């Protein structure tokens, strides 16, 4: 594996990143689009960049990967698309990720499998750095086992979506049943 650094909001950086991987390995087997930024109480002027990171990255990287023979793409969305939690802006751009998922699944049907995952509250630095213990406890009130999802658990779901030949154009919610409770 290699690490390729770049700004996923940039068309040129996305193209360069894909080209670097293809130059090293000759192809891309699986693309996982999981870039995100979080600014608590984002101001209106922050919104374009937040949306560009999430949406441009998915669009540009997916397009370049598809043009270079990728076999599977998994886009990471959010349970915000089914549970709005007073996050209208985040909900809108996560819905955009899901729209791109369906678009690329249709456009490359039979060539590239494109799926998405809506994770629940996961034990990531982004969550832990931006929410107080009290706020996290409130999240956990809606989680049946009262535990945050471990990143490795989400990795297992993403791996399943990336490797299962039966799935394309699917978006699954992996949130331990939290959205079943309307949370």
Foldseek 3Di string as FASTA:
>chain_A
DDDQDDQLLDLVSLLVSLVVVCVVPVAAAEAEADDADDDVPDDPVCLVSRLSSQQSNLVNNLVNRVVRQYAEYEYEAACCCLAVPVPVSSNVSSVSSLVSQLVVLVVQPPRHAGEYEHEAAAPDCVVVVPDDPVVLQVSLVLAPVSDHHYPVNVVVVVVCSGPDPVHGSYYYYHYNCSVVVSD
